[in-house]
Amino acid sequence: MSLWRLQCFIALAGELHFGRAAASLFITQPALSLQIKQLEISLGFELAHRARRVTLTEEGCRLLPYAEHVVAAAEVFASAAGERGRLQAA
């Protein structure tokens, strides 16, 4: 599990649209889809229903606040570490 994949999940949850979420991350829709799928595989369950409209699964809704907390904590950590402590996306 990586911070990047969590950031992808957070973006998807915010947009509820793969294309818009991908654009907000400056990546392609297939790249975002792959990151979400890899995160789901590592967790062992789906985070989003992929239909005409994207919706979060019950597990996705439950885990979203934790993902947001982890990413925010990582940003605070990087800030405290200073310029030399920048986090890498992958």
Protein backbone atom coordinates (compact mmCIF):
# COMPACT_ATOMS: atom_id res chain seq x y z
CA MET A 1 0.00 0.00 0.00
CA SER A 2 1.36 3.40 -0.92
CA LEU A 3 0.53 7.00 -0.16
CA TRP A 4 0.05 7.56 -3.88
CA ARG A 5 -2.67 4.90 -4.06
CA LEU A 6 -4.37 6.43 -1.03
CA GLN A 7 -4.22 9.84 -2.72
CA CYS A 8 -5.79 8.28 -5.82
CA PHE A 9 -8.58 6.81 -3.71
CA ILE A 10 -9.20 10.15 -1.99
CA ALA A 11 -9.37 11.92 -5.36
CA LEU A 12 -11.83 9.34 -6.70
CA ALA A 13 -13.96 9.64 -3.57
CA GLY A 14 -14.01 13.41 -3.94
CA GLU A 15 -14.98 13.42 -7.61
CA LEU A 16 -16.93 10.15 -7.88
CA HIS A 17 -15.77 10.13 -11.49
CA PHE A 18 -12.63 8.41 -12.79
CA GLY A 19 -11.96 10.97 -15.54
CA ARG A 20 -12.24 14.03 -13.31
CA ALA A 21 -10.28 12.39 -10.48
CA ALA A 22 -7.53 11.43 -12.92
CA ALA A 23 -7.40 14.98 -14.29
CA SER A 24 -7.09 16.38 -10.76
CA LEU A 25 -4.05 14.14 -10.24
CA PHE A 26 -2.58 14.95 -13.69
CA ILE A 27 -2.70 11.30 -14.76
CA THR A 28 -4.78 9.37 -17.28
CA GLN A 29 -8.02 7.61 -16.41
CA PRO A 30 -6.54 4.13 -17.10
CA ALA A 31 -3.60 4.93 -14.78
CA LEU A 32 -5.99 5.96 -12.01
CA SER A 33 -8.13 2.89 -12.57
CA LEU A 34 -5.04 0.69 -12.24
CA GLN A 35 -3.98 2.38 -8.99
CA ILE A 36 -7.44 1.92 -7.49
CA LYS A 37 -7.59 -1.71 -8.62
CA GLN A 38 -4.14 -2.40 -7.12
CA LEU A 39 -5.23 -0.83 -3.83
CA GLU A 40 -8.38 -2.95 -3.84
CA ILE A 41 -6.35 -6.09 -4.53
CA SER A 42 -4.03 -5.32 -1.61
CA LEU A 43 -7.03 -4.79 0.67
CA GLY A 44 -9.01 -7.76 -0.59
CA PHE A 45 -12.22 -5.87 -1.36
CA GLU A 46 -13.62 -3.18 -3.63
CA LEU A 47 -13.63 0.45 -2.58
CA ALA A 48 -15.88 1.73 -5.37
CA HIS A 49 -18.77 0.45 -7.44
CA ARG A 50 -18.05 1.00 -11.10
CA ALA A 51 -21.29 1.54 -12.91
CA ARG A 52 -22.83 4.40 -14.81
CA ARG A 53 -22.13 6.44 -11.68
CA VAL A 54 -19.20 5.77 -9.39
CA THR A 55 -20.17 5.26 -5.76
CA LEU A 56 -18.11 4.16 -2.82
CA THR A 57 -18.76 0.77 -1.33
CA GLU A 58 -19.56 0.48 2.36
CA GLU A 59 -15.89 -0.37 2.96
CA GLY A 60 -14.79 2.60 0.85
CA CYS A 61 -16.97 4.95 2.90
CA ARG A 62 -15.66 3.46 6.14
CA LEU A 63 -11.99 3.71 5.13
CA LEU A 64 -12.02 7.13 3.45
CA PRO A 65 -11.51 9.14 6.68
CA TYR A 66 -8.56 6.91 7.58
CA ALA A 67 -6.99 7.37 4.15
CA GLU A 68 -7.41 11.14 4.49
CA HIS A 69 -5.82 11.03 7.95
CA VAL A 70 -2.83 9.00 6.75
CA VAL A 71 -2.16 11.31 3.79
CA ALA A 72 -2.55 14.42 5.95
CA ALA A 73 -0.20 12.97 8.58
CA ALA A 74 2.36 12.16 5.88
CA GLU A 75 2.18 15.76 4.63
CA VAL A 76 2.73 17.09 8.16
CA PHE A 77 5.64 14.69 8.59
CA ALA A 78 7.22 15.85 5.32
CA SER A 79 6.72 19.48 6.30
CA ALA A 80 8.36 18.88 9.67
CA ALA A 81 11.27 17.14 7.96
CA GLY A 82 11.82 20.18 5.76
CA GLU A 83 12.85 20.42 2.12
CA ARG A 84 15.13 17.39 2.32
CA GLY A 85 12.25 15.26 3.60
CA ARG A 86 9.91 15.60 0.62
CA LEU A 87 7.74 12.54 0.12
CA GLN A 88 7.95 10.69 -3.15
CA ALA A 89 4.71 9.79 -4.96
CA ALA A 90 5.57 6.13 -5.51
